């Protein structure tokens, strides 16, 4: 895990497929966060790069 001021990120592995994920858990409330991350997610749908993964924001 890696932590910062507003979040903690965990490295997780799907043991069935061996696929790695990063799970970011926010530790402080920010009113604008959900809207901001939804917009980032929409823009990344158009990025064709192996460096980006499709993010999913969950309340």
PDB file of N, CA and C in Angstrom:
ATOM      1  N   UNK A   1       0.836  -1.173   0.000  1.00  0.00           N
ATOM      2  CA  UNK A   1       0.000   0.000   0.000  1.00  0.00           C
ATOM      3  C   UNK A   1       0.880   1.236   0.000  1.00  0.00           C
ATOM      4  N   UNK A   2       0.330   2.315  -0.533  1.00  0.00           N
ATOM      5  CA  UNK A   2       1.018   3.597  -0.576  1.00  0.00           C
ATOM      6  C   UNK A   2       0.012   4.671  -0.193  1.00  0.00           C
ATOM      7  N   UNK A   3       0.377   5.539   0.728  1.00  0.00           N
ATOM      8  CA  UNK A   3      -0.576   6.529   1.199  1.00  0.00           C
ATOM      9  C   UNK A   3      -0.108   7.953   0.970  1.00  0.00           C
ATOM     10  N   UNK A   4      -1.068   8.846   0.953  1.00  0.00           N
ATOM     11  CA  UNK A   4      -0.801  10.260   0.787  1.00  0.00           C
ATOM     12  C   UNK A   4      -1.734  11.053   1.669  1.00  0.00           C
ATOM     13  N   UNK A   5      -1.970  12.300   1.306  1.00  0.00           N
ATOM     14  CA  UNK A   5      -2.789  13.184   2.123  1.00  0.00           C
ATOM     15  C   UNK A   5      -4.284  12.858   2.035  1.00  0.00           C
ATOM     16  N   UNK A   6      -4.760  12.474   0.852  1.00  0.00           N
ATOM     17  CA  UNK A   6      -6.194  12.274   0.664  1.00  0.00           C
ATOM     18  C   UNK A   6      -6.581  10.843   0.308  1.00  0.00           C
ATOM     19  N   UNK A   7      -5.605   9.950   0.137  1.00  0.00           N
ATOM     20  CA  UNK A   7      -5.951   8.603  -0.308  1.00  0.00           C
ATOM     21  C   UNK A   7      -4.865   7.585   0.035  1.00  0.00           C
ATOM     22  N   UNK A   8      -5.279   6.320  -0.053  1.00  0.00           N
ATOM     23  CA  UNK A   8      -4.372   5.191   0.089  1.00  0.00           C
ATOM     24  C   UNK A   8      -4.591   4.315  -1.145  1.00  0.00           C
ATOM     25  N   UNK A   9      -3.501   3.835  -1.750  1.00  0.00           N
ATOM     26  CA  UNK A   9      -3.603   2.988  -2.938  1.00  0.00           C
ATOM     27  C   UNK A   9      -3.101   1.588  -2.587  1.00  0.00           C
ATOM     28  N   UNK A  10      -3.897   0.594  -2.934  1.00  0.00           N
ATOM     29  CA  UNK A  10      -3.545  -0.791  -2.695  1.00  0.00           C
ATOM     30  C   UNK A  10      -3.296  -1.493  -4.023  1.00  0.00           C
ATOM     31  N   UNK A  11      -2.281  -2.328  -4.080  1.00  0.00           N
ATOM     32  CA  UNK A  11      -2.025  -3.168  -5.250  1.00  0.00           C
ATOM     33  C   UNK A  11      -2.727  -4.494  -4.986  1.00  0.00           C
ATOM     34  N   UNK A  12      -3.613  -4.877  -5.912  1.00  0.00           N
ATOM     35  CA  UNK A  12      -4.382  -6.096  -5.729  1.00  0.00           C
ATOM     36  C   UNK A  12      -4.220  -6.994  -6.955  1.00  0.00           C
ATOM     37  N   UNK A  13      -4.304  -8.286  -6.725  1.00  0.00           N
ATOM     38  CA  UNK A  13      -4.151  -9.247  -7.808  1.00  0.00           C
ATOM     39  C   UNK A  13      -5.348 -10.190  -7.835  1.00  0.00           C
ATOM     40  N   UNK A  14      -5.924 -10.354  -9.023  1.00  0.00           N
ATOM     41  CA  UNK A  14      -6.986 -11.334  -9.237  1.00  0.00           C
ATOM     42  C   UNK A  14      -6.291 -12.692  -9.362  1.00  0.00           C
ATOM     43  N   UNK A  15      -6.414 -13.531  -8.355  1.00  0.00           N
ATOM     44  CA  UNK A  15      -5.675 -14.791  -8.375  1.00  0.00           C
ATOM     45  C   UNK A  15      -6.181 -15.769  -9.438  1.00  0.00           C
ATOM     46  N   UNK A  16      -7.405 -15.576  -9.923  1.00  0.00           N
ATOM     47  CA  UNK A  16      -7.931 -16.448 -10.976  1.00  0.00           C
ATOM     48  C   UNK A  16      -7.266 -16.176 -12.317  1.00  0.00           C
ATOM     49  N   UNK A  17      -7.013 -14.892 -12.624  1.00  0.00           N
ATOM     50  CA  UNK A  17      -6.491 -14.500 -13.923  1.00  0.00           C
ATOM     51  C   UNK A  17      -5.065 -13.970 -13.858  1.00  0.00           C
ATOM     52  N   UNK A  18      -4.608 -13.636 -12.662  1.00  0.00           N
ATOM     53  CA  UNK A  18      -3.274 -13.078 -12.513  1.00  0.00           C
ATOM     54  C   UNK A  18      -3.194 -11.601 -12.869  1.00  0.00           C
ATOM     55  N   UNK A  19      -4.332 -10.978 -13.080  1.00  0.00           N
ATOM     56  CA  UNK A  19      -4.369  -9.570 -13.461  1.00  0.00           C
ATOM     57  C   UNK A  19      -4.179  -8.686 -12.237  1.00  0.00           C
ATOM     58  N   UNK A  20      -3.386  -7.610 -12.396  1.00  0.00           N
ATOM     59  CA  UNK A  20      -3.122  -6.677 -11.313  1.00  0.00           C
ATOM     60  C   UNK A  20      -4.031  -5.459 -11.402  1.00  0.00           C
ATOM     61  N   UNK A  21      -4.405  -4.941 -10.249  1.00  0.00           N
ATOM     62  CA  UNK A  21      -5.256  -3.760 -10.152  1.00  0.00           C
ATOM     63  C   UNK A  21      -4.686  -2.810  -9.110  1.00  0.00           C
ATOM     64  N   UNK A  22      -4.994  -1.546  -9.264  1.00  0.00           N
ATOM     65  CA  UNK A  22      -4.719  -0.555  -8.233  1.00  0.00           C
ATOM     66  C   UNK A  22      -6.065  -0.084  -7.712  1.00  0.00           C
ATOM     67  N   UNK A  23      -6.234  -0.137  -6.405  1.00  0.00           N
ATOM     68  CA  UNK A  23      -7.484   0.309  -5.782  1.00  0.00           C
ATOM     69  C   UNK A  23      -7.144   1.515  -4.913  1.00  0.00           C
ATOM     70  N   UNK A  24      -7.729   2.653  -5.270  1.00  0.00           N
ATOM     71  CA  UNK A  24      -7.468   3.894  -4.543  1.00  0.00           C
ATOM     72  C   UNK A  24      -8.652   4.179  -3.631  1.00  0.00           C
ATOM     73  N   UNK A  25      -8.381   4.280  -2.338  1.00  0.00           N
ATOM     74  CA  UNK A  25      -9.416   4.566  -1.344  1.00  0.00           C
ATOM     75  C   UNK A  25      -9.156   5.954  -0.770  1.00  0.00           C
ATOM     76  N   UNK A  26     -10.121   6.832  -0.921  1.00  0.00           N
ATOM     77  CA  UNK A  26      -9.977   8.200  -0.430  1.00  0.00           C
ATOM     78  C   UNK A  26     -10.255   8.246   1.070  1.00  0.00           C
ATOM     79  N   UNK A  27      -9.463   9.014   1.781  1.00  0.00           N
ATOM     80  CA  UNK A  27      -9.567   9.079   3.231  1.00  0.00           C
ATOM     81  C   UNK A  27     -10.190  10.382   3.724  1.00  0.00           C
ATOM     82  N   UNK A  28     -10.366  11.350   2.834  1.00  0.00           N
ATOM     83  CA  UNK A  28     -10.977  12.624   3.197  1.00  0.00           C
ATOM     84  C   UNK A  28     -12.050  12.971   2.168  1.00  0.00           C
ATOM     85  N   UNK A  29     -13.116  13.574   2.635  1.00  0.00           N
ATOM     86  CA  UNK A  29     -14.233  13.960   1.757  1.00  0.00           C
ATOM     87  C   UNK A  29     -13.869  15.217   0.969  1.00  0.00           C
ATOM     88  N   UNK A  30     -14.203  15.192  -0.316  1.00  0.00           N
ATOM     89  CA  UNK A  30     -14.057  16.355  -1.195  1.00  0.00           C
ATOM     90  C   UNK A  30     -15.291  16.398  -2.087  1.00  0.00           C
ATOM     91  N   UNK A  31     -16.033  17.494  -2.033  1.00  0.00           N
ATOM     92  CA  UNK A  31     -17.313  17.592  -2.739  1.00  0.00           C
ATOM     93  C   UNK A  31     -17.194  17.398  -4.243  1.00  0.00           C
ATOM     94  N   UNK A  32     -16.127  17.866  -4.845  1.00  0.00           N
ATOM     95  CA  UNK A  32     -15.968  17.860  -6.297  1.00  0.00           C
ATOM     96  C   UNK A  32     -15.416  16.544  -6.839  1.00  0.00           C
ATOM     97  N   UNK A  33     -14.997  15.631  -5.974  1.00  0.00           N
ATOM     98  CA  UNK A  33     -14.256  14.436  -6.401  1.00  0.00           C
ATOM     99  C   UNK A  33     -15.027  13.556  -7.392  1.00  0.00           C
ATOM    100  N   UNK A  34     -16.267  13.218  -7.082  1.00  0.00           N
ATOM    101  CA  UNK A  34     -17.011  12.294  -7.942  1.00  0.00           C
ATOM    102  C   UNK A  34     -17.132  12.842  -9.359  1.00  0.00           C
ATOM    103  N   UNK A  35     -17.513  14.094  -9.501  1.00  0.00           N
ATOM    104  CA  UNK A  35     -17.657  14.696 -10.827  1.00  0.00           C
ATOM    105  C   UNK A  35     -16.320  14.705 -11.567  1.00  0.00           C
ATOM    106  N   UNK A  36     -15.263  15.059 -10.888  1.00  0.00           N
ATOM    107  CA  UNK A  36     -13.936  15.119 -11.506  1.00  0.00           C
ATOM    108  C   UNK A  36     -13.494  13.753 -12.024  1.00  0.00           C
ATOM    109  N   UNK A  37     -13.655  12.717 -11.206  1.00  0.00           N
ATOM    110  CA  UNK A  37     -13.210  11.396 -11.624  1.00  0.00           C
ATOM    111  C   UNK A  37     -14.099  10.802 -12.708  1.00  0.00           C
ATOM    112  N   UNK A  38     -15.351  11.145 -12.724  1.00  0.00           N
ATOM    113  CA  UNK A  38     -16.220  10.677 -13.820  1.00  0.00           C
ATOM    114  C   UNK A  38     -15.779  11.303 -15.150  1.00  0.00           C
ATOM    115  N   UNK A  39     -15.409  12.574 -15.126  1.00  0.00           N
ATOM    116  CA  UNK A  39     -14.933  13.233 -16.342  1.00  0.00           C
ATOM    117  C   UNK A  39     -13.603  12.650 -16.813  1.00  0.00           C
ATOM    118  N   UNK A  40     -12.704  12.373 -15.887  1.00  0.00           N
ATOM    119  CA  UNK A  40     -11.425  11.742 -16.240  1.00  0.00           C
ATOM    120  C   UNK A  40     -11.680  10.386 -16.878  1.00  0.00           C
ATOM    121  N   UNK A  41     -12.590   9.608 -16.300  1.00  0.00           N
ATOM    122  CA  UNK A  41     -12.933   8.293 -16.829  1.00  0.00           C
ATOM    123  C   UNK A  41     -13.476   8.390 -18.253  1.00  0.00           C
ATOM    124  N   UNK A  42     -14.339   9.374 -18.503  1.00  0.00           N
ATOM    125  CA  UNK A  42     -14.902   9.561 -19.840  1.00  0.00           C
ATOM    126  C   UNK A  42     -13.803   9.872 -20.859  1.00  0.00           C
ATOM    127  N   UNK A  43     -12.846  10.709 -20.496  1.00  0.00           N
ATOM    128  CA  UNK A  43     -11.770  11.079 -21.418  1.00  0.00           C
ATOM    129  C   UNK A  43     -10.834   9.905 -21.698  1.00  0.00           C
ATOM    130  N   UNK A  44     -10.578   9.074 -20.697  1.00  0.00           N
ATOM    131  CA  UNK A  44      -9.670   7.948 -20.885  1.00  0.00           C
ATOM    132  C   UNK A  44     -10.252   6.873 -21.794  1.00  0.00           C
ATOM    133  N   UNK A  45     -11.565   6.902 -22.016  1.00  0.00           N
ATOM    134  CA  UNK A  45     -12.170   5.947 -22.944  1.00  0.00           C
ATOM    135  C   UNK A  45     -11.625   6.138 -24.360  1.00  0.00           C
ATOM    136  N   UNK A  46     -11.178   7.352 -24.681  1.00  0.00           N
ATOM    137  CA  UNK A  46     -10.672   7.656 -26.018  1.00  0.00           C
ATOM    138  C   UNK A  46      -9.164   7.462 -26.134  1.00  0.00           C
ATOM    139  N   UNK A  47      -8.492   7.189 -25.038  1.00  0.00           N
ATOM    140  CA  UNK A  47      -7.032   7.006 -25.061  1.00  0.00           C
ATOM    141  C   UNK A  47      -6.718   5.561 -25.424  1.00  0.00           C
ATOM    142  N   UNK A  48      -5.966   5.385 -26.473  1.00  0.00           N
ATOM    143  CA  UNK A  48      -5.575   4.032 -26.861  1.00  0.00           C
ATOM    144  C   UNK A  48      -4.095   3.839 -26.513  1.00  0.00           C
ATOM    145  N   UNK A  49      -3.864   3.470 -25.284  1.00  0.00           N
ATOM    146  CA  UNK A  49      -2.510   3.269 -24.795  1.00  0.00           C
ATOM    147  C   UNK A  49      -2.512   2.129 -23.786  1.00  0.00           C
ATOM    148  N   UNK A  50      -1.472   1.332 -23.817  1.00  0.00           N
ATOM    149  CA  UNK A  50      -1.369   0.231 -22.857  1.00  0.00           C
ATOM    150  C   UNK A  50      -1.002   0.742 -21.461  1.00  0.00           C
ATOM    151  N   UNK A  51      -0.694   2.031 -21.339  1.00  0.00           N
ATOM    152  CA  UNK A  51      -0.335   2.606 -20.045  1.00  0.00           C
ATOM    153  C   UNK A  51      -1.555   3.027 -19.232  1.00  0.00           C
ATOM    154  N   UNK A  52      -2.708   3.124 -19.855  1.00  0.00           N
ATOM    155  CA  UNK A  52      -3.913   3.543 -19.161  1.00  0.00           C
ATOM    156  C   UNK A  52      -4.858   2.367 -18.965  1.00  0.00           C
ATOM    157  N   UNK A  53      -5.503   2.351 -17.840  1.00  0.00           N
ATOM    158  CA  UNK A  53      -6.556   1.364 -17.589  1.00  0.00           C
ATOM    159  C   UNK A  53      -7.855   2.139 -17.429  1.00  0.00           C
ATOM    160  N   UNK A  54      -8.945   1.478 -17.627  1.00  0.00           N
ATOM    161  CA  UNK A  54     -10.235   2.148 -17.473  1.00  0.00           C
ATOM    162  C   UNK A  54     -10.568   2.259 -15.983  1.00  0.00           C
ATOM    163  N   UNK A  55     -10.640   3.478 -15.481  1.00  0.00           N
ATOM    164  CA  UNK A  55     -10.957   3.646 -14.062  1.00  0.00           C
ATOM    165  C   UNK A  55     -12.450   3.466 -13.811  1.00  0.00           C
ATOM    166  N   UNK A  56     -12.788   3.072 -12.615  1.00  0.00           N
ATOM    167  CA  UNK A  56     -14.180   2.945 -12.213  1.00  0.00           C
ATOM    168  C   UNK A  56     -14.310   3.603 -10.841  1.00  0.00           C
ATOM    169  N   UNK A  57     -15.131   4.641 -10.765  1.00  0.00           N
ATOM    170  CA  UNK A  57     -15.354   5.361  -9.517  1.00  0.00           C
ATOM    171  C   UNK A  57     -16.525   4.736  -8.787  1.00  0.00           C
ATOM    172  N   UNK A  58     -16.328   4.367  -7.532  1.00  0.00           N
ATOM    173  CA  UNK A  58     -17.399   3.768  -6.730  1.00  0.00           C
ATOM    174  C   UNK A  58     -17.539   4.585  -5.449  1.00  0.00           C
ATOM    175  N   UNK A  59     -18.750   5.028  -5.167  1.00  0.00           N
ATOM    176  CA  UNK A  59     -18.986   5.815  -3.953  1.00  0.00           C
ATOM    177  C   UNK A  59     -18.731   5.001  -2.714  1.00  0.00           C
TER     178      UNK A  59
END
